[in-house]
PDB file of N, CA and C in Angstrom:
ATOM      1  N   UNK A   1     -45.468 -30.258 -16.491  1.00  0.00           N
ATOM      2  CA  UNK A   1     -45.262 -28.823 -16.546  1.00  0.00           C
ATOM      3  C   UNK A   1     -44.803 -28.297 -15.190  1.00  0.00           C
ATOM      4  N   UNK A   2     -45.470 -28.759 -14.147  1.00  0.00           N
ATOM      5  CA  UNK A   2     -45.137 -28.332 -12.802  1.00  0.00           C
ATOM      6  C   UNK A   2     -43.731 -28.773 -12.428  1.00  0.00           C
ATOM      7  N   UNK A   3     -43.363 -29.971 -12.875  1.00  0.00           N
ATOM      8  CA  UNK A   3     -42.038 -30.513 -12.598  1.00  0.00           C
ATOM      9  C   UNK A   3     -40.956 -29.667 -13.277  1.00  0.00           C
ATOM     10  N   UNK A   4     -41.177 -29.222 -14.519  1.00  0.00           N
ATOM     11  CA  UNK A   4     -40.179 -28.429 -15.228  1.00  0.00           C
ATOM     12  C   UNK A   4     -40.042 -27.043 -14.599  1.00  0.00           C
ATOM     13  N   UNK A   5     -41.155 -26.471 -14.131  1.00  0.00           N
ATOM     14  CA  UNK A   5     -41.081 -25.184 -13.436  1.00  0.00           C
ATOM     15  C   UNK A   5     -40.244 -25.306 -12.168  1.00  0.00           C
ATOM     16  N   UNK A   6     -40.432 -26.404 -11.480  1.00  0.00           N
ATOM     17  CA  UNK A   6     -39.703 -26.636 -10.245  1.00  0.00           C
ATOM     18  C   UNK A   6     -38.201 -26.773 -10.533  1.00  0.00           C
ATOM     19  N   UNK A   7     -37.877 -27.457 -11.610  1.00  0.00           N
ATOM     20  CA  UNK A   7     -36.472 -27.623 -12.003  1.00  0.00           C
ATOM     21  C   UNK A   7     -35.868 -26.256 -12.332  1.00  0.00           C
ATOM     22  N   UNK A   8     -36.601 -25.446 -13.083  1.00  0.00           N
ATOM     23  CA  UNK A   8     -36.105 -24.109 -13.430  1.00  0.00           C
ATOM     24  C   UNK A   8     -35.971 -23.225 -12.194  1.00  0.00           C
ATOM     25  N   UNK A   9     -36.920 -23.356 -11.260  1.00  0.00           N
ATOM     26  CA  UNK A   9     -36.829 -22.590 -10.012  1.00  0.00           C
ATOM     27  C   UNK A   9     -35.589 -22.996  -9.223  1.00  0.00           C
ATOM     28  N   UNK A  10     -35.360 -24.308  -9.125  1.00  0.00           N
ATOM     29  CA  UNK A  10     -34.176 -24.796  -8.408  1.00  0.00           C
ATOM     30  C   UNK A  10     -32.893 -24.350  -9.104  1.00  0.00           C
ATOM     31  N   UNK A  11     -32.895 -24.418 -10.422  1.00  0.00           N
ATOM     32  CA  UNK A  11     -31.732 -24.003 -11.190  1.00  0.00           C
ATOM     33  C   UNK A  11     -31.479 -22.506 -11.015  1.00  0.00           C
ATOM     34  N   UNK A  12     -32.525 -21.713 -11.040  1.00  0.00           N
ATOM     35  CA  UNK A  12     -32.401 -20.266 -10.835  1.00  0.00           C
ATOM     36  C   UNK A  12     -31.878 -19.950  -9.447  1.00  0.00           C
ATOM     37  N   UNK A  13     -32.368 -20.656  -8.438  1.00  0.00           N
ATOM     38  CA  UNK A  13     -31.922 -20.455  -7.073  1.00  0.00           C
ATOM     39  C   UNK A  13     -30.433 -20.800  -6.945  1.00  0.00           C
ATOM     40  N   UNK A  14     -30.033 -21.920  -7.537  1.00  0.00           N
ATOM     41  CA  UNK A  14     -28.625 -22.315  -7.506  1.00  0.00           C
ATOM     42  C   UNK A  14     -27.734 -21.278  -8.190  1.00  0.00           C
ATOM     43  N   UNK A  15     -28.201 -20.754  -9.307  1.00  0.00           N
ATOM     44  CA  UNK A  15     -27.417 -19.745 -10.021  1.00  0.00           C
ATOM     45  C   UNK A  15     -27.300 -18.465  -9.201  1.00  0.00           C
ATOM     46  N   UNK A  16     -28.382 -18.075  -8.534  1.00  0.00           N
ATOM     47  CA  UNK A  16     -28.335 -16.887  -7.667  1.00  0.00           C
ATOM     48  C   UNK A  16     -27.368 -17.089  -6.512  1.00  0.00           C
ATOM     49  N   UNK A  17     -27.389 -18.266  -5.911  1.00  0.00           N
ATOM     50  CA  UNK A  17     -26.473 -18.557  -4.813  1.00  0.00           C
ATOM     51  C   UNK A  17     -25.030 -18.560  -5.311  1.00  0.00           C
ATOM     52  N   UNK A  18     -24.805 -19.141  -6.482  1.00  0.00           N
ATOM     53  CA  UNK A  18     -23.453 -19.170  -7.046  1.00  0.00           C
ATOM     54  C   UNK A  18     -22.967 -17.750  -7.352  1.00  0.00           C
ATOM     55  N   UNK A  19     -23.860 -16.921  -7.884  1.00  0.00           N
ATOM     56  CA  UNK A  19     -23.486 -15.535  -8.180  1.00  0.00           C
ATOM     57  C   UNK A  19     -23.165 -14.791  -6.885  1.00  0.00           C
ATOM     58  N   UNK A  20     -23.943 -15.024  -5.850  1.00  0.00           N
ATOM     59  CA  UNK A  20     -23.687 -14.392  -4.558  1.00  0.00           C
ATOM     60  C   UNK A  20     -22.355 -14.833  -3.975  1.00  0.00           C
ATOM     61  N   UNK A  21     -22.058 -16.123  -4.089  1.00  0.00           N
ATOM     62  CA  UNK A  21     -20.776 -16.622  -3.588  1.00  0.00           C
ATOM     63  C   UNK A  21     -19.628 -16.042  -4.400  1.00  0.00           C
ATOM     64  N   UNK A  22     -19.786 -15.973  -5.714  1.00  0.00           N
ATOM     65  CA  UNK A  22     -18.732 -15.413  -6.567  1.00  0.00           C
ATOM     66  C   UNK A  22     -18.494 -13.950  -6.221  1.00  0.00           C
ATOM     67  N   UNK A  23     -19.558 -13.208  -5.952  1.00  0.00           N
ATOM     68  CA  UNK A  23     -19.424 -11.802  -5.585  1.00  0.00           C
ATOM     69  C   UNK A  23     -18.706 -11.673  -4.241  1.00  0.00           C
ATOM     70  N   UNK A  24     -19.033 -12.534  -3.302  1.00  0.00           N
ATOM     71  CA  UNK A  24     -18.364 -12.526  -2.002  1.00  0.00           C
ATOM     72  C   UNK A  24     -16.883 -12.848  -2.137  1.00  0.00           C
ATOM     73  N   UNK A  25     -16.561 -13.826  -2.969  1.00  0.00           N
ATOM     74  CA  UNK A  25     -15.163 -14.188  -3.195  1.00  0.00           C
ATOM     75  C   UNK A  25     -14.431 -13.025  -3.861  1.00  0.00           C
ATOM     76  N   UNK A  26     -15.079 -12.385  -4.822  1.00  0.00           N
ATOM     77  CA  UNK A  26     -14.466 -11.249  -5.500  1.00  0.00           C
ATOM     78  C   UNK A  26     -14.156 -10.127  -4.514  1.00  0.00           C
ATOM     79  N   UNK A  27     -15.105  -9.823  -3.632  1.00  0.00           N
ATOM     80  CA  UNK A  27     -14.881  -8.765  -2.638  1.00  0.00           C
ATOM     81  C   UNK A  27     -13.753  -9.141  -1.676  1.00  0.00           C
ATOM     82  N   UNK A  28     -13.709 -10.407  -1.291  1.00  0.00           N
ATOM     83  CA  UNK A  28     -12.653 -10.862  -0.390  1.00  0.00           C
ATOM     84  C   UNK A  28     -11.284 -10.758  -1.054  1.00  0.00           C
ATOM     85  N   UNK A  29     -11.191 -11.141  -2.317  1.00  0.00           N
ATOM     86  CA  UNK A  29      -9.925 -11.043  -3.045  1.00  0.00           C
ATOM     87  C   UNK A  29      -9.517  -9.588  -3.195  1.00  0.00           C
ATOM     88  N   UNK A  30     -10.462  -8.709  -3.520  1.00  0.00           N
ATOM     89  CA  UNK A  30     -10.149  -7.283  -3.637  1.00  0.00           C
ATOM     90  C   UNK A  30      -9.621  -6.730  -2.318  1.00  0.00           C
ATOM     91  N   UNK A  31     -10.231  -7.135  -1.214  1.00  0.00           N
ATOM     92  CA  UNK A  31      -9.805  -6.661   0.099  1.00  0.00           C
ATOM     93  C   UNK A  31      -8.386  -7.125   0.407  1.00  0.00           C
ATOM     94  N   UNK A  32      -8.103  -8.381   0.120  1.00  0.00           N
ATOM     95  CA  UNK A  32      -6.765  -8.921   0.394  1.00  0.00           C
ATOM     96  C   UNK A  32      -5.726  -8.222  -0.487  1.00  0.00           C
ATOM     97  N   UNK A  33      -6.028  -8.067  -1.767  1.00  0.00           N
ATOM     98  CA  UNK A  33      -5.084  -7.418  -2.689  1.00  0.00           C
ATOM     99  C   UNK A  33      -4.859  -5.970  -2.274  1.00  0.00           C
ATOM    100  N   UNK A  34      -5.924  -5.265  -1.922  1.00  0.00           N
ATOM    101  CA  UNK A  34      -5.803  -3.867  -1.509  1.00  0.00           C
ATOM    102  C   UNK A  34      -4.944  -3.747  -0.252  1.00  0.00           C
ATOM    103  N   UNK A  35      -5.176  -4.604   0.724  1.00  0.00           N
ATOM    104  CA  UNK A  35      -4.403  -4.513   1.967  1.00  0.00           C
ATOM    105  C   UNK A  35      -2.934  -4.870   1.725  1.00  0.00           C
ATOM    106  N   UNK A  36      -2.678  -5.843   0.862  1.00  0.00           N
ATOM    107  CA  UNK A  36      -1.292  -6.190   0.542  1.00  0.00           C
ATOM    108  C   UNK A  36      -0.602  -5.038  -0.198  1.00  0.00           C
ATOM    109  N   UNK A  37      -1.322  -4.403  -1.116  1.00  0.00           N
ATOM    110  CA  UNK A  37      -0.747  -3.270  -1.854  1.00  0.00           C
ATOM    111  C   UNK A  37      -0.453  -2.110  -0.905  1.00  0.00           C
ATOM    112  N   UNK A  38      -1.370  -1.843   0.019  1.00  0.00           N
ATOM    113  CA  UNK A  38      -1.150  -0.764   0.986  1.00  0.00           C
ATOM    114  C   UNK A  38       0.048  -1.070   1.878  1.00  0.00           C
ATOM    115  N   UNK A  39       0.192  -2.328   2.283  1.00  0.00           N
ATOM    116  CA  UNK A  39       1.334  -2.724   3.119  1.00  0.00           C
ATOM    117  C   UNK A  39       2.632  -2.573   2.332  1.00  0.00           C
ATOM    118  N   UNK A  40       2.613  -2.974   1.073  1.00  0.00           N
ATOM    119  CA  UNK A  40       3.803  -2.864   0.233  1.00  0.00           C
ATOM    120  C   UNK A  40       4.217  -1.404   0.060  1.00  0.00           C
ATOM    121  N   UNK A  41       3.252  -0.536  -0.209  1.00  0.00           N
ATOM    122  CA  UNK A  41       3.544   0.887  -0.376  1.00  0.00           C
ATOM    123  C   UNK A  41       4.061   1.480   0.932  1.00  0.00           C
ATOM    124  N   UNK A  42       3.467   1.079   2.054  1.00  0.00           N
ATOM    125  CA  UNK A  42       3.922   1.591   3.352  1.00  0.00           C
ATOM    126  C   UNK A  42       5.349   1.125   3.640  1.00  0.00           C
ATOM    127  N   UNK A  43       5.663  -0.102   3.276  1.00  0.00           N
ATOM    128  CA  UNK A  43       7.017  -0.625   3.496  1.00  0.00           C
ATOM    129  C   UNK A  43       8.042   0.074   2.611  1.00  0.00           C
ATOM    130  N   UNK A  44       7.617   0.572   1.462  1.00  0.00           N
ATOM    131  CA  UNK A  44       8.536   1.229   0.545  1.00  0.00           C
ATOM    132  C   UNK A  44       8.872   2.645   0.996  1.00  0.00           C
ATOM    133  N   UNK A  45       8.131   3.177   1.961  1.00  0.00           N
ATOM    134  CA  UNK A  45       8.382   4.506   2.508  1.00  0.00           C
ATOM    135  C   UNK A  45       8.387   5.563   1.399  1.00  0.00           C
ATOM    136  N   UNK A  46       7.338   5.565   0.607  1.00  0.00           N
ATOM    137  CA  UNK A  46       7.212   6.505  -0.507  1.00  0.00           C
ATOM    138  C   UNK A  46       6.783   7.884  -0.016  1.00  0.00           C
ATOM    139  N   UNK A  47       7.084   8.890  -0.803  1.00  0.00           N
ATOM    140  CA  UNK A  47       6.719  10.269  -0.482  1.00  0.00           C
ATOM    141  C   UNK A  47       5.278  10.511  -0.929  1.00  0.00           C
ATOM    142  N   UNK A  48       4.520  11.221  -0.108  1.00  0.00           N
ATOM    143  CA  UNK A  48       3.148  11.555  -0.483  1.00  0.00           C
ATOM    144  C   UNK A  48       3.170  12.611  -1.576  1.00  0.00           C
ATOM    145  N   UNK A  49       2.167  12.602  -2.415  1.00  0.00           N
ATOM    146  CA  UNK A  49       2.088  13.517  -3.555  1.00  0.00           C
ATOM    147  C   UNK A  49       2.107  14.971  -3.090  1.00  0.00           C
ATOM    148  N   UNK A  50       1.390  15.277  -2.003  1.00  0.00           N
ATOM    149  CA  UNK A  50       1.326  16.653  -1.509  1.00  0.00           C
ATOM    150  C   UNK A  50       2.719  17.130  -1.080  1.00  0.00           C
ATOM    151  N   UNK A  51       3.459  16.245  -0.408  1.00  0.00           N
ATOM    152  CA  UNK A  51       4.811  16.609   0.025  1.00  0.00           C
ATOM    153  C   UNK A  51       5.728  16.834  -1.176  1.00  0.00           C
ATOM    154  N   UNK A  52       5.586  15.968  -2.182  1.00  0.00           N
ATOM    155  CA  UNK A  52       6.407  16.098  -3.378  1.00  0.00           C
ATOM    156  C   UNK A  52       6.123  17.418  -4.092  1.00  0.00           C
ATOM    157  N   UNK A  53       4.837  17.750  -4.246  1.00  0.00           N
ATOM    158  CA  UNK A  53       4.468  18.996  -4.918  1.00  0.00           C
ATOM    159  C   UNK A  53       4.973  20.222  -4.151  1.00  0.00           C
ATOM    160  N   UNK A  54       4.870  20.181  -2.821  1.00  0.00           N
ATOM    161  CA  UNK A  54       5.342  21.309  -2.004  1.00  0.00           C
ATOM    162  C   UNK A  54       6.852  21.469  -2.144  1.00  0.00           C
ATOM    163  N   UNK A  55       7.570  20.382  -2.117  1.00  0.00           N
ATOM    164  CA  UNK A  55       9.023  20.444  -2.254  1.00  0.00           C
ATOM    165  C   UNK A  55       9.430  20.915  -3.645  1.00  0.00           C
ATOM    166  N   UNK A  56       8.718  20.447  -4.672  1.00  0.00           N
ATOM    167  CA  UNK A  56       9.015  20.873  -6.043  1.00  0.00           C
ATOM    168  C   UNK A  56       8.825  22.375  -6.188  1.00  0.00           C
ATOM    169  N   UNK A  57       7.762  22.904  -5.603  1.00  0.00           N
ATOM    170  CA  UNK A  57       7.505  24.344  -5.663  1.00  0.00           C
ATOM    171  C   UNK A  57       8.605  25.118  -4.939  1.00  0.00           C
ATOM    172  N   UNK A  58       9.024  24.616  -3.786  1.00  0.00           N
ATOM    173  CA  UNK A  58      10.096  25.260  -3.024  1.00  0.00           C
ATOM    174  C   UNK A  58      11.398  25.275  -3.818  1.00  0.00           C
ATOM    175  N   UNK A  59      11.726  24.161  -4.452  1.00  0.00           N
ATOM    176  CA  UNK A  59      12.954  24.078  -5.253  1.00  0.00           C
ATOM    177  C   UNK A  59      12.882  25.034  -6.437  1.00  0.00           C
ATOM    178  N   UNK A  60      11.707  25.141  -7.039  1.00  0.00           N
ATOM    179  CA  UNK A  60      11.548  26.055  -8.172  1.00  0.00           C
ATOM    180  C   UNK A  60      11.769  27.501  -7.737  1.00  0.00           C
ATOM    181  N   UNK A  61      11.205  27.891  -6.607  1.00  0.00           N
ATOM    182  CA  UNK A  61      11.378  29.259  -6.090  1.00  0.00           C
ATOM    183  C   UNK A  61      12.843  29.508  -5.760  1.00  0.00           C
ATOM    184  N   UNK A  62      13.488  28.538  -5.125  1.00  0.00           N
ATOM    185  CA  UNK A  62      14.906  28.706  -4.787  1.00  0.00           C
ATOM    186  C   UNK A  62      15.766  28.781  -6.043  1.00  0.00           C
ATOM    187  N   UNK A  63      15.408  28.033  -7.082  1.00  0.00           N
ATOM    188  CA  UNK A  63      16.136  28.112  -8.348  1.00  0.00           C
ATOM    189  C   UNK A  63      16.043  29.496  -8.953  1.00  0.00           C
ATOM    190  N   UNK A  64      14.867  30.089  -8.884  1.00  0.00           N
ATOM    191  CA  UNK A  64      14.683  31.452  -9.390  1.00  0.00           C
ATOM    192  C   UNK A  64      15.505  32.448  -8.571  1.00  0.00           C
ATOM    193  N   UNK A  65      15.546  32.249  -7.249  1.00  0.00           N
ATOM    194  CA  UNK A  65      16.347  33.127  -6.395  1.00  0.00           C
ATOM    195  C   UNK A  65      17.830  32.988  -6.715  1.00  0.00           C
ATOM    196  N   UNK A  66      18.278  31.767  -6.946  1.00  0.00           N
ATOM    197  CA  UNK A  66      19.686  31.536  -7.297  1.00  0.00           C
ATOM    198  C   UNK A  66      20.028  32.227  -8.609  1.00  0.00           C
ATOM    199  N   UNK A  67      19.146  32.109  -9.596  1.00  0.00           N
ATOM    200  CA  UNK A  67      19.389  32.778 -10.881  1.00  0.00           C
ATOM    201  C   UNK A  67      19.487  34.293 -10.696  1.00  0.00           C
ATOM    202  N   UNK A  68      18.599  34.851  -9.876  1.00  0.00           N
ATOM    203  CA  UNK A  68      18.632  36.297  -9.626  1.00  0.00           C
ATOM    204  C   UNK A  68      19.932  36.692  -8.932  1.00  0.00           C
ATOM    205  N   UNK A  69      20.379  35.884  -7.977  1.00  0.00           N
ATOM    206  CA  UNK A  69      21.633  36.185  -7.280  1.00  0.00           C
ATOM    207  C   UNK A  69      22.834  36.064  -8.214  1.00  0.00           C
ATOM    208  N   UNK A  70      22.825  35.106  -9.115  1.00  0.00           N
ATOM    209  CA  UNK A  70      23.908  34.967 -10.093  1.00  0.00           C
ATOM    210  C   UNK A  70      23.990  36.201 -10.984  1.00  0.00           C
ATOM    211  N   UNK A  71      22.840  36.690 -11.416  1.00  0.00           N
ATOM    212  CA  UNK A  71      22.805  37.898 -12.246  1.00  0.00           C
ATOM    213  C   UNK A  71      23.331  39.102 -11.459  1.00  0.00           C
ATOM    214  N   UNK A  72      22.952  39.164 -10.193  1.00  0.00           N
ATOM    215  CA  UNK A  72      23.403  40.270  -9.343  1.00  0.00           C
ATOM    216  C   UNK A  72      24.916  40.213  -9.140  1.00  0.00           C
ATOM    217  N   UNK A  73      25.458  39.028  -8.911  1.00  0.00           N
ATOM    218  CA  UNK A  73      26.914  38.868  -8.753  1.00  0.00           C
ATOM    219  C   UNK A  73      27.630  39.238 -10.040  1.00  0.00           C
ATOM    220  N   UNK A  74      27.097  38.792 -11.173  1.00  0.00           N
ATOM    221  CA  UNK A  74      27.711  39.119 -12.462  1.00  0.00           C
ATOM    222  C   UNK A  74      27.702  40.622 -12.686  1.00  0.00           C
ATOM    223  N   UNK A  75      26.617  41.289 -12.316  1.00  0.00           N
ATOM    224  CA  UNK A  75      26.535  42.745 -12.472  1.00  0.00           C
ATOM    225  C   UNK A  75      27.549  43.433 -11.569  1.00  0.00           C
ATOM    226  N   UNK A  76      27.705  42.943 -10.354  1.00  0.00           N
ATOM    227  CA  UNK A  76      28.682  43.543  -9.435  1.00  0.00           C
ATOM    228  C   UNK A  76      30.110  43.340  -9.932  1.00  0.00           C
ATOM    229  N   UNK A  77      30.378  42.142 -10.499  1.00  0.00           N
ATOM    230  CA  UNK A  77      31.716  41.891 -11.053  1.00  0.00           C
ATOM    231  C   UNK A  77      31.995  42.825 -12.222  1.00  0.00           C
ATOM    232  N   UNK A  78      30.993  42.987 -13.074  1.00  0.00           N
ATOM    233  CA  UNK A  78      31.152  43.886 -14.226  1.00  0.00           C
ATOM    234  C   UNK A  78      31.359  45.311 -13.744  1.00  0.00           C
ATOM    235  N   UNK A  79      30.607  45.703 -12.764  1.00  0.00           N
ATOM    236  CA  UNK A  79      30.718  47.057 -12.214  1.00  0.00           C
ATOM    237  C   UNK A  79      32.086  47.249 -11.553  1.00  0.00           C
ATOM    238  N   UNK A  80      32.596  46.211 -10.892  1.00  0.00           N
ATOM    239  CA  UNK A  80      33.899  46.290 -10.248  1.00  0.00           C
ATOM    240  C   UNK A  80      35.024  46.400 -11.266  1.00  0.00           C
ATOM    241  N   UNK A  81      34.908  45.726 -12.390  1.00  0.00           N
ATOM    242  CA  UNK A  81      35.925  45.783 -13.441  1.00  0.00           C
ATOM    243  C   UNK A  81      35.933  47.141 -14.105  1.00  0.00           C
ATOM    244  N   UNK A  82      34.764  47.740 -14.231  1.00  0.00           N
ATOM    245  CA  UNK A  82      34.681  49.072 -14.838  1.00  0.00           C
ATOM    246  C   UNK A  82      35.303  50.123 -13.930  1.00  0.00           C
ATOM    247  N   UNK A  83      35.188  49.903 -12.620  1.00  0.00           N
ATOM    248  CA  UNK A  83      35.717  50.878 -11.653  1.00  0.00           C
ATOM    249  C   UNK A  83      37.260  50.844 -11.637  1.00  0.00           C
ATOM    250  N   UNK A  84      37.850  49.738 -12.007  1.00  0.00           N
ATOM    251  CA  UNK A  84      39.312  49.622 -11.983  1.00  0.00           C
ATOM    252  C   UNK A  84      39.882  50.393 -13.086  1.00  0.00           C
TER     253      UNK A  84
END
């Protein structure tokens, strides 16, 4: 009985050590993959989301201003034709 308990204790200890090593390997792989992904993204020179959103908003406002100016020009042309 004592011998079987000892075997189970040794087996449990080995399994705990294996689980700890597997967890360490998993963390190391995650770190390597994360750093490689960050390097790849940095090399691609991508635009940050905040910059993209700010530029999109600026373009939208300018588009609205352009539409307003087009309407104003059309009104002036119409007014000029009526004056002739």
